[in-house]
N, C-alpha and C. Protein backbone atom coordinates (compact mmCIF):
# COMPACT_ATOMS: atom_id res chain seq x y z
N MET A 1 1.91 12.73 -25.31
CA MET A 1 2.82 11.60 -25.32
C MET A 1 3.41 11.35 -23.92
N PHE A 2 3.78 12.45 -23.23
CA PHE A 2 4.36 12.33 -21.89
C PHE A 2 3.39 11.65 -20.95
N ASN A 3 2.11 12.04 -20.99
CA ASN A 3 1.10 11.45 -20.10
C ASN A 3 0.95 9.96 -20.37
N ILE A 4 1.04 9.56 -21.64
CA ILE A 4 0.92 8.13 -21.97
C ILE A 4 2.07 7.35 -21.33
N ILE A 5 3.26 7.91 -21.39
CA ILE A 5 4.43 7.25 -20.78
C ILE A 5 4.26 7.16 -19.26
N VAL A 6 3.82 8.26 -18.65
CA VAL A 6 3.63 8.30 -17.19
C VAL A 6 2.58 7.27 -16.77
N GLN A 7 1.45 7.23 -17.47
CA GLN A 7 0.39 6.28 -17.12
C GLN A 7 0.85 4.84 -17.37
N THR A 8 1.64 4.63 -18.42
CA THR A 8 2.17 3.29 -18.71
C THR A 8 3.06 2.80 -17.57
N LEU A 9 3.87 3.69 -17.01
CA LEU A 9 4.69 3.31 -15.85
C LEU A 9 3.81 2.84 -14.70
N GLY A 10 2.69 3.51 -14.49
CA GLY A 10 1.74 3.10 -13.46
C GLY A 10 1.12 1.75 -13.77
N TYR A 11 0.77 1.51 -15.04
CA TYR A 11 0.19 0.22 -15.40
C TYR A 11 1.21 -0.91 -15.23
N ILE A 12 2.47 -0.63 -15.49
CA ILE A 12 3.51 -1.64 -15.25
C ILE A 12 3.59 -1.93 -13.75
N GLY A 13 3.44 -0.90 -12.93
CA GLY A 13 3.40 -1.10 -11.48
C GLY A 13 2.24 -2.00 -11.07
N VAL A 14 1.06 -1.75 -11.64
CA VAL A 14 -0.11 -2.59 -11.35
C VAL A 14 0.19 -4.04 -11.75
N LEU A 15 0.74 -4.22 -12.94
CA LEU A 15 1.06 -5.56 -13.43
C LEU A 15 2.05 -6.26 -12.50
N CYS A 16 3.05 -5.53 -12.03
CA CYS A 16 4.03 -6.12 -11.10
C CYS A 16 3.37 -6.54 -9.78
N PHE A 17 2.43 -5.72 -9.29
CA PHE A 17 1.70 -6.10 -8.07
C PHE A 17 0.90 -7.38 -8.31
N ILE A 18 0.21 -7.45 -9.44
CA ILE A 18 -0.58 -8.65 -9.76
C ILE A 18 0.32 -9.87 -9.86
N ILE A 19 1.46 -9.71 -10.53
CA ILE A 19 2.41 -10.82 -10.65
C ILE A 19 2.93 -11.22 -9.27
N SER A 20 3.15 -10.24 -8.40
CA SER A 20 3.67 -10.56 -7.06
C SER A 20 2.70 -11.45 -6.29
N TYR A 21 1.39 -11.22 -6.45
CA TYR A 21 0.40 -12.02 -5.73
C TYR A 21 0.41 -13.48 -6.19
N ALA A 22 0.87 -13.72 -7.40
CA ALA A 22 0.84 -15.07 -7.97
C ALA A 22 2.14 -15.84 -7.75
N GLN A 23 3.10 -15.24 -7.08
CA GLN A 23 4.39 -15.90 -6.88
C GLN A 23 4.32 -16.92 -5.75
N LYS A 24 5.07 -17.98 -5.93
CA LYS A 24 5.10 -19.04 -4.92
C LYS A 24 6.12 -18.74 -3.83
N SER A 25 7.28 -18.22 -4.22
CA SER A 25 8.33 -17.99 -3.23
C SER A 25 8.24 -16.58 -2.64
N ARG A 26 8.58 -16.50 -1.37
CA ARG A 26 8.59 -15.22 -0.66
C ARG A 26 9.55 -14.24 -1.33
N LYS A 27 10.68 -14.75 -1.78
CA LYS A 27 11.69 -13.94 -2.46
C LYS A 27 11.11 -13.26 -3.70
N ASN A 28 10.36 -13.99 -4.51
CA ASN A 28 9.77 -13.42 -5.72
C ASN A 28 8.62 -12.47 -5.41
N ILE A 29 7.86 -12.77 -4.35
CA ILE A 29 6.80 -11.85 -3.94
C ILE A 29 7.40 -10.49 -3.60
N ILE A 30 8.47 -10.53 -2.80
CA ILE A 30 9.14 -9.28 -2.40
C ILE A 30 9.74 -8.59 -3.61
N LEU A 31 10.37 -9.35 -4.51
CA LEU A 31 10.98 -8.76 -5.72
C LEU A 31 9.94 -8.02 -6.56
N PHE A 32 8.83 -8.67 -6.87
CA PHE A 32 7.82 -8.03 -7.72
C PHE A 32 7.10 -6.89 -7.00
N SER A 33 6.93 -7.01 -5.69
CA SER A 33 6.35 -5.90 -4.93
C SER A 33 7.28 -4.69 -4.96
N PHE A 34 8.58 -4.96 -4.84
CA PHE A 34 9.56 -3.88 -4.91
C PHE A 34 9.52 -3.22 -6.29
N LEU A 35 9.49 -4.02 -7.34
CA LEU A 35 9.42 -3.47 -8.70
C LEU A 35 8.15 -2.64 -8.88
N ALA A 36 7.03 -3.13 -8.38
CA ALA A 36 5.77 -2.39 -8.47
C ALA A 36 5.90 -1.03 -7.80
N ARG A 37 6.45 -1.02 -6.61
CA ARG A 37 6.61 0.26 -5.89
C ARG A 37 7.58 1.18 -6.62
N ALA A 38 8.64 0.63 -7.20
CA ALA A 38 9.59 1.47 -7.95
C ALA A 38 8.89 2.14 -9.14
N PHE A 39 8.06 1.39 -9.86
CA PHE A 39 7.32 1.98 -10.97
C PHE A 39 6.32 3.02 -10.47
N PHE A 40 5.64 2.74 -9.35
CA PHE A 40 4.69 3.70 -8.82
C PHE A 40 5.36 4.96 -8.28
N VAL A 41 6.52 4.82 -7.67
CA VAL A 41 7.25 6.00 -7.19
C VAL A 41 7.56 6.90 -8.38
N THR A 42 8.09 6.32 -9.44
CA THR A 42 8.41 7.10 -10.65
C THR A 42 7.14 7.70 -11.24
N HIS A 43 6.09 6.92 -11.33
CA HIS A 43 4.81 7.36 -11.88
C HIS A 43 4.28 8.58 -11.12
N TYR A 44 4.23 8.48 -9.78
CA TYR A 44 3.71 9.59 -8.97
C TYR A 44 4.58 10.84 -9.11
N ILE A 45 5.88 10.67 -9.06
CA ILE A 45 6.77 11.84 -9.14
C ILE A 45 6.59 12.54 -10.48
N LEU A 46 6.48 11.78 -11.58
CA LEU A 46 6.27 12.39 -12.89
C LEU A 46 4.90 13.06 -12.99
N LEU A 47 3.92 12.57 -12.22
CA LEU A 47 2.60 13.22 -12.17
C LEU A 47 2.61 14.47 -11.29
N GLY A 48 3.67 14.64 -10.51
CA GLY A 48 3.72 15.74 -9.55
C GLY A 48 3.10 15.35 -8.22
N GLY A 49 2.82 14.07 -8.04
CA GLY A 49 2.24 13.56 -6.79
C GLY A 49 3.35 13.08 -5.86
N TYR A 50 4.08 14.05 -5.33
CA TYR A 50 5.26 13.71 -4.51
C TYR A 50 4.88 12.95 -3.25
N ALA A 51 3.76 13.29 -2.64
CA ALA A 51 3.32 12.59 -1.43
C ALA A 51 3.10 11.11 -1.73
N GLY A 52 2.46 10.80 -2.83
CA GLY A 52 2.23 9.40 -3.22
C GLY A 52 3.53 8.67 -3.52
N GLY A 53 4.45 9.37 -4.18
CA GLY A 53 5.74 8.76 -4.49
C GLY A 53 6.53 8.45 -3.24
N ILE A 54 6.62 9.43 -2.35
CA ILE A 54 7.40 9.24 -1.12
C ILE A 54 6.76 8.16 -0.24
N GLN A 55 5.43 8.16 -0.13
CA GLN A 55 4.77 7.15 0.72
C GLN A 55 4.90 5.75 0.12
N ASN A 56 4.93 5.64 -1.21
CA ASN A 56 5.16 4.34 -1.82
C ASN A 56 6.57 3.86 -1.54
N ALA A 57 7.54 4.77 -1.59
CA ALA A 57 8.91 4.40 -1.25
C ALA A 57 8.98 3.96 0.22
N GLY A 58 8.34 4.72 1.09
CA GLY A 58 8.30 4.35 2.50
C GLY A 58 7.59 3.03 2.73
N GLY A 59 6.54 2.78 1.97
CA GLY A 59 5.82 1.50 2.06
C GLY A 59 6.71 0.34 1.66
N GLY A 60 7.56 0.58 0.68
CA GLY A 60 8.52 -0.45 0.28
C GLY A 60 9.52 -0.75 1.38
N VAL A 61 9.99 0.31 2.04
CA VAL A 61 10.91 0.14 3.18
C VAL A 61 10.21 -0.62 4.30
N ALA A 62 8.97 -0.23 4.59
CA ALA A 62 8.21 -0.89 5.66
C ALA A 62 8.00 -2.37 5.35
N ALA A 63 7.68 -2.68 4.11
CA ALA A 63 7.46 -4.08 3.72
C ALA A 63 8.76 -4.88 3.82
N ALA A 64 9.85 -4.28 3.37
CA ALA A 64 11.15 -4.96 3.44
C ALA A 64 11.55 -5.24 4.88
N VAL A 65 11.39 -4.23 5.74
CA VAL A 65 11.75 -4.38 7.16
C VAL A 65 10.85 -5.43 7.82
N SER A 66 9.56 -5.38 7.55
CA SER A 66 8.65 -6.34 8.19
C SER A 66 8.89 -7.76 7.69
N SER A 67 9.39 -7.88 6.45
CA SER A 67 9.67 -9.22 5.93
C SER A 67 10.87 -9.85 6.63
N LEU A 68 11.66 -9.04 7.30
CA LEU A 68 12.82 -9.53 8.04
C LEU A 68 12.51 -9.77 9.52
N ARG A 69 11.24 -9.67 9.86
CA ARG A 69 10.82 -9.91 11.24
C ARG A 69 11.29 -11.29 11.69
N GLY A 70 11.80 -11.35 12.90
CA GLY A 70 12.34 -12.59 13.40
C GLY A 70 13.86 -12.62 13.32
N LYS A 71 14.43 -11.67 12.57
CA LYS A 71 15.89 -11.57 12.46
C LYS A 71 16.33 -10.29 13.14
N LYS A 72 17.45 -10.37 13.84
CA LYS A 72 17.97 -9.18 14.51
C LYS A 72 18.58 -8.26 13.47
N PRO A 73 18.49 -6.97 13.56
CA PRO A 73 17.83 -6.16 14.58
C PRO A 73 16.38 -5.82 14.23
N TYR A 74 15.83 -6.46 13.20
CA TYR A 74 14.51 -6.10 12.68
C TYR A 74 13.37 -6.61 13.55
N ASP A 75 13.65 -7.49 14.50
CA ASP A 75 12.61 -8.06 15.34
C ASP A 75 12.27 -7.17 16.53
N SER A 76 12.94 -6.06 16.65
CA SER A 76 12.72 -5.15 17.77
C SER A 76 11.33 -4.52 17.71
N PRO A 77 10.68 -4.34 18.87
CA PRO A 77 9.38 -3.66 18.88
C PRO A 77 9.49 -2.19 18.47
N ILE A 78 10.70 -1.70 18.40
CA ILE A 78 10.93 -0.32 17.97
C ILE A 78 10.71 -0.16 16.46
N MET A 79 10.90 -1.22 15.69
CA MET A 79 10.82 -1.12 14.23
C MET A 79 9.46 -0.62 13.74
N PRO A 80 8.32 -1.16 14.21
CA PRO A 80 7.04 -0.62 13.75
C PRO A 80 6.87 0.85 14.13
N VAL A 81 7.36 1.22 15.30
CA VAL A 81 7.28 2.62 15.73
C VAL A 81 8.14 3.49 14.82
N PHE A 82 9.34 3.02 14.51
CA PHE A 82 10.23 3.75 13.60
C PHE A 82 9.56 3.97 12.25
N ILE A 83 8.92 2.92 11.71
CA ILE A 83 8.25 3.03 10.40
C ILE A 83 7.10 4.04 10.47
N LEU A 84 6.34 4.03 11.56
CA LEU A 84 5.23 4.99 11.70
C LEU A 84 5.74 6.42 11.82
N VAL A 85 6.82 6.61 12.56
CA VAL A 85 7.40 7.96 12.69
C VAL A 85 7.93 8.41 11.33
N LEU A 86 8.62 7.52 10.62
CA LEU A 86 9.13 7.84 9.28
C LEU A 86 7.99 8.21 8.34
N THR A 87 6.89 7.46 8.40
CA THR A 87 5.71 7.74 7.57
C THR A 87 5.15 9.13 7.88
N ALA A 88 5.01 9.44 9.16
CA ALA A 88 4.47 10.74 9.57
C ALA A 88 5.40 11.88 9.14
N VAL A 89 6.70 11.71 9.33
CA VAL A 89 7.66 12.75 8.94
C VAL A 89 7.60 12.99 7.43
N CYS A 90 7.54 11.90 6.66
CA CYS A 90 7.43 12.04 5.19
C CYS A 90 6.12 12.74 4.81
N GLY A 91 5.05 12.44 5.55
CA GLY A 91 3.77 13.10 5.30
C GLY A 91 3.85 14.59 5.57
N ILE A 92 4.55 14.98 6.61
CA ILE A 92 4.72 16.40 6.95
C ILE A 92 5.56 17.09 5.89
N ILE A 93 6.64 16.44 5.48
CA ILE A 93 7.54 17.02 4.48
C ILE A 93 6.85 17.22 3.14
N THR A 94 5.99 16.26 2.75
CA THR A 94 5.35 16.34 1.43
C THR A 94 4.00 17.05 1.46
N TYR A 95 3.59 17.57 2.62
CA TYR A 95 2.31 18.29 2.68
C TYR A 95 2.39 19.51 1.77
N ASP A 96 1.40 19.66 0.91
CA ASP A 96 1.35 20.74 -0.07
C ASP A 96 0.14 21.62 0.24
N LYS A 97 0.39 22.86 0.68
CA LYS A 97 -0.71 23.77 1.02
C LYS A 97 -1.62 24.03 -0.17
N GLY A 98 -1.05 24.01 -1.37
CA GLY A 98 -1.84 24.26 -2.57
C GLY A 98 -2.89 23.18 -2.82
N VAL A 99 -2.55 21.96 -2.50
CA VAL A 99 -3.47 20.83 -2.67
C VAL A 99 -4.29 20.62 -1.41
N GLY A 100 -3.72 21.00 -0.27
CA GLY A 100 -4.41 20.88 1.00
C GLY A 100 -4.41 19.46 1.55
N VAL A 101 -5.51 19.11 2.19
CA VAL A 101 -5.61 17.84 2.90
C VAL A 101 -5.39 16.64 1.99
N VAL A 102 -5.65 16.78 0.71
CA VAL A 102 -5.47 15.67 -0.23
C VAL A 102 -4.01 15.20 -0.22
N SER A 103 -3.07 16.12 -0.05
CA SER A 103 -1.66 15.72 -0.04
C SER A 103 -1.29 14.94 1.22
N ALA A 104 -2.13 15.00 2.24
CA ALA A 104 -1.88 14.23 3.47
C ALA A 104 -2.50 12.84 3.43
N LEU A 105 -3.38 12.58 2.47
CA LEU A 105 -4.09 11.30 2.42
C LEU A 105 -3.16 10.08 2.31
N PRO A 106 -2.12 10.13 1.46
CA PRO A 106 -1.23 8.96 1.41
C PRO A 106 -0.57 8.67 2.76
N ALA A 107 -0.16 9.71 3.49
CA ALA A 107 0.46 9.50 4.80
C ALA A 107 -0.54 8.89 5.78
N VAL A 108 -1.76 9.40 5.79
CA VAL A 108 -2.78 8.87 6.69
C VAL A 108 -3.07 7.40 6.33
N ALA A 109 -3.19 7.13 5.03
CA ALA A 109 -3.43 5.76 4.58
C ALA A 109 -2.31 4.83 5.03
N MET A 110 -1.08 5.27 4.89
CA MET A 110 0.05 4.43 5.28
C MET A 110 0.17 4.29 6.79
N LEU A 111 -0.24 5.31 7.53
CA LEU A 111 -0.26 5.20 9.00
C LEU A 111 -1.28 4.15 9.44
N ILE A 112 -2.32 3.94 8.65
CA ILE A 112 -3.32 2.91 8.93
C ILE A 112 -2.82 1.55 8.44
N GLN A 113 -2.25 1.52 7.23
CA GLN A 113 -1.91 0.25 6.60
C GLN A 113 -0.59 -0.35 7.08
N ASN A 114 0.42 0.46 7.35
CA ASN A 114 1.73 -0.09 7.72
C ASN A 114 1.71 -0.97 8.97
N PRO A 115 0.93 -0.64 10.01
CA PRO A 115 0.91 -1.54 11.17
C PRO A 115 0.44 -2.96 10.83
N ALA A 116 -0.33 -3.10 9.77
CA ALA A 116 -0.80 -4.44 9.36
C ALA A 116 0.37 -5.36 9.03
N LEU A 117 1.50 -4.78 8.64
CA LEU A 117 2.66 -5.59 8.28
C LEU A 117 3.23 -6.38 9.46
N TRP A 118 2.93 -5.92 10.67
CA TRP A 118 3.45 -6.58 11.87
C TRP A 118 2.42 -7.45 12.57
N LEU A 119 1.22 -7.49 12.06
CA LEU A 119 0.17 -8.29 12.70
C LEU A 119 0.24 -9.75 12.27
N LYS A 120 -0.29 -10.62 13.10
CA LYS A 120 -0.35 -12.04 12.77
C LYS A 120 -1.77 -12.47 12.39
N ASN A 121 -2.77 -11.76 12.87
CA ASN A 121 -4.16 -12.09 12.60
C ASN A 121 -4.55 -11.58 11.20
N GLN A 122 -4.86 -12.52 10.30
CA GLN A 122 -5.17 -12.16 8.91
C GLN A 122 -6.39 -11.25 8.79
N ARG A 123 -7.39 -11.45 9.64
CA ARG A 123 -8.59 -10.61 9.58
C ARG A 123 -8.22 -9.15 9.84
N ASN A 124 -7.40 -8.92 10.84
CA ASN A 124 -6.98 -7.55 11.15
C ASN A 124 -6.10 -6.97 10.06
N ILE A 125 -5.26 -7.82 9.46
CA ILE A 125 -4.42 -7.36 8.34
C ILE A 125 -5.32 -6.89 7.20
N ARG A 126 -6.33 -7.69 6.87
CA ARG A 126 -7.25 -7.32 5.79
C ARG A 126 -8.00 -6.03 6.10
N LEU A 127 -8.47 -5.90 7.34
CA LEU A 127 -9.24 -4.70 7.72
C LEU A 127 -8.39 -3.43 7.64
N LEU A 128 -7.18 -3.47 8.17
CA LEU A 128 -6.32 -2.28 8.12
C LEU A 128 -5.92 -1.95 6.69
N THR A 129 -5.60 -2.96 5.92
CA THR A 129 -5.23 -2.72 4.53
C THR A 129 -6.39 -2.10 3.77
N PHE A 130 -7.58 -2.66 3.97
CA PHE A 130 -8.78 -2.15 3.29
C PHE A 130 -9.09 -0.71 3.70
N ALA A 131 -8.89 -0.38 4.97
CA ALA A 131 -9.23 0.95 5.48
C ALA A 131 -8.47 2.07 4.78
N GLY A 132 -7.27 1.80 4.31
CA GLY A 132 -6.48 2.84 3.65
C GLY A 132 -6.83 3.05 2.18
N ILE A 133 -7.50 2.09 1.57
CA ILE A 133 -7.77 2.16 0.12
C ILE A 133 -8.60 3.38 -0.28
N PRO A 134 -9.69 3.73 0.41
CA PRO A 134 -10.45 4.92 0.00
C PRO A 134 -9.61 6.20 0.02
N LEU A 135 -8.70 6.31 0.98
CA LEU A 135 -7.84 7.50 1.05
C LEU A 135 -6.91 7.55 -0.17
N TRP A 136 -6.32 6.41 -0.49
CA TRP A 136 -5.48 6.35 -1.69
C TRP A 136 -6.29 6.64 -2.94
N PHE A 137 -7.51 6.13 -3.02
CA PHE A 137 -8.33 6.33 -4.22
C PHE A 137 -8.59 7.82 -4.45
N VAL A 138 -8.95 8.54 -3.40
CA VAL A 138 -9.20 9.99 -3.52
C VAL A 138 -7.92 10.69 -3.99
N TYR A 139 -6.80 10.37 -3.37
CA TYR A 139 -5.52 10.97 -3.76
C TYR A 139 -5.22 10.66 -5.23
N ASN A 140 -5.41 9.41 -5.62
CA ASN A 140 -5.13 9.00 -7.00
C ASN A 140 -6.04 9.70 -7.99
N PHE A 141 -7.29 9.91 -7.62
CA PHE A 141 -8.23 10.63 -8.47
C PHE A 141 -7.77 12.07 -8.68
N VAL A 142 -7.39 12.73 -7.59
CA VAL A 142 -6.97 14.13 -7.67
C VAL A 142 -5.68 14.28 -8.46
N THR A 143 -4.74 13.33 -8.28
CA THR A 143 -3.46 13.43 -9.00
C THR A 143 -3.55 12.92 -10.42
N GLY A 144 -4.64 12.27 -10.77
CA GLY A 144 -4.82 11.78 -12.14
C GLY A 144 -4.13 10.45 -12.41
N SER A 145 -3.98 9.64 -11.38
CA SER A 145 -3.33 8.34 -11.54
C SER A 145 -4.39 7.27 -11.81
N VAL A 146 -4.70 7.09 -13.08
CA VAL A 146 -5.69 6.08 -13.48
C VAL A 146 -5.22 4.67 -13.10
N PRO A 147 -3.95 4.31 -13.37
CA PRO A 147 -3.51 2.96 -12.99
C PRO A 147 -3.64 2.70 -11.49
N ALA A 148 -3.31 3.68 -10.67
CA ALA A 148 -3.41 3.49 -9.23
C ALA A 148 -4.87 3.35 -8.79
N MET A 149 -5.79 4.08 -9.44
CA MET A 149 -7.21 3.91 -9.12
C MET A 149 -7.67 2.50 -9.47
N ILE A 150 -7.19 1.98 -10.60
CA ILE A 150 -7.53 0.61 -11.00
C ILE A 150 -6.95 -0.37 -9.98
N CYS A 151 -5.71 -0.13 -9.56
CA CYS A 151 -5.06 -0.98 -8.56
C CYS A 151 -5.85 -0.94 -7.24
N ASP A 152 -6.33 0.24 -6.86
CA ASP A 152 -7.16 0.37 -5.65
C ASP A 152 -8.42 -0.47 -5.76
N CYS A 153 -9.07 -0.41 -6.91
CA CYS A 153 -10.30 -1.18 -7.12
C CYS A 153 -10.02 -2.68 -7.09
N LEU A 154 -8.95 -3.11 -7.75
CA LEU A 154 -8.59 -4.53 -7.74
C LEU A 154 -8.25 -5.00 -6.33
N SER A 155 -7.45 -4.21 -5.62
CA SER A 155 -7.06 -4.57 -4.26
C SER A 155 -8.28 -4.58 -3.34
N GLY A 156 -9.10 -3.55 -3.45
CA GLY A 156 -10.31 -3.47 -2.62
C GLY A 156 -11.25 -4.63 -2.88
N GLY A 157 -11.45 -4.95 -4.15
CA GLY A 157 -12.31 -6.09 -4.51
C GLY A 157 -11.76 -7.39 -3.98
N SER A 158 -10.47 -7.56 -4.11
CA SER A 158 -9.82 -8.77 -3.61
C SER A 158 -9.96 -8.89 -2.10
N LEU A 159 -9.78 -7.77 -1.41
CA LEU A 159 -9.91 -7.78 0.05
C LEU A 159 -11.35 -8.06 0.49
N ILE A 160 -12.32 -7.50 -0.23
CA ILE A 160 -13.73 -7.76 0.10
C ILE A 160 -14.04 -9.25 -0.07
N ILE A 161 -13.57 -9.83 -1.17
CA ILE A 161 -13.79 -11.27 -1.40
C ILE A 161 -13.16 -12.07 -0.27
N ALA A 162 -11.93 -11.73 0.09
CA ALA A 162 -11.23 -12.46 1.17
C ALA A 162 -11.95 -12.29 2.50
N MET A 163 -12.43 -11.07 2.80
CA MET A 163 -13.13 -10.86 4.07
C MET A 163 -14.43 -11.66 4.12
N VAL A 164 -15.16 -11.70 3.01
CA VAL A 164 -16.39 -12.49 2.98
C VAL A 164 -16.05 -13.97 3.13
N ARG A 165 -15.09 -14.42 2.35
CA ARG A 165 -14.73 -15.85 2.33
C ARG A 165 -14.14 -16.34 3.65
N TYR A 166 -13.20 -15.59 4.21
CA TYR A 166 -12.46 -16.07 5.37
C TYR A 166 -12.94 -15.53 6.72
N ASP A 167 -13.66 -14.41 6.71
CA ASP A 167 -14.06 -13.80 7.98
C ASP A 167 -15.57 -13.87 8.21
N ILE A 168 -16.34 -13.47 7.22
CA ILE A 168 -17.79 -13.37 7.41
C ILE A 168 -18.49 -14.72 7.30
N LEU A 169 -18.24 -15.47 6.21
CA LEU A 169 -18.94 -16.75 6.02
C LEU A 169 -18.65 -17.74 7.15
N PRO A 170 -17.41 -17.90 7.61
CA PRO A 170 -17.20 -18.81 8.75
C PRO A 170 -17.94 -18.36 10.01
N TRP A 171 -18.02 -17.07 10.22
CA TRP A 171 -18.74 -16.54 11.37
C TRP A 171 -20.24 -16.85 11.26
N VAL A 172 -20.81 -16.65 10.06
CA VAL A 172 -22.22 -16.94 9.82
C VAL A 172 -22.48 -18.43 10.01
N ARG A 173 -21.61 -19.27 9.47
CA ARG A 173 -21.77 -20.72 9.62
C ARG A 173 -21.70 -21.14 11.08
N ALA A 174 -20.80 -20.53 11.84
CA ALA A 174 -20.66 -20.86 13.26
C ALA A 174 -21.91 -20.44 14.04
N LYS A 175 -22.54 -19.32 13.66
CA LYS A 175 -23.75 -18.85 14.33
C LYS A 175 -24.93 -19.79 14.06
N LYS A 176 -24.96 -20.39 12.86
CA LYS A 176 -26.05 -21.29 12.49
C LYS A 176 -25.95 -22.62 13.22
N SER A 177 -24.75 -23.00 13.63
CA SER A 177 -24.56 -24.32 14.28
C SER A 177 -25.08 -24.37 15.68
């Protein structure tokens, strides 16, 4: 029964992420993304996946800070560096010798993905975001997070479609001209 509740919390997180993508206003996108991360933090902690929980919380902080870009003091070039240092410190704190390198995968994934929050080029945002997904998938498999693996597949598929549609096909069309 406990596992059903824990997995359900993860599925609610997936649902919140999906709902966030469909929102028209920036405010609602941030709200549903925050809710998704809150459910995933709880989900991971109840699974014993503290590294995933902490990195999801940190990812929420990074997203919130980057959404305030253009406003003081969040527009400082120090902010992305601060987020990366915070991510690395959290990765060191949550490293579990018993699990080994798998416990470091969420931190490595977030060190790759978080800089995308400050980029303006959509192609680079997609590439960095996509690059972290396999690391999260392995971590999610080991920790037994079925909802997060589904979320990884949905996100990865969506990113592949976007890369083909917006990056590859225009390039191919331009080469043919």
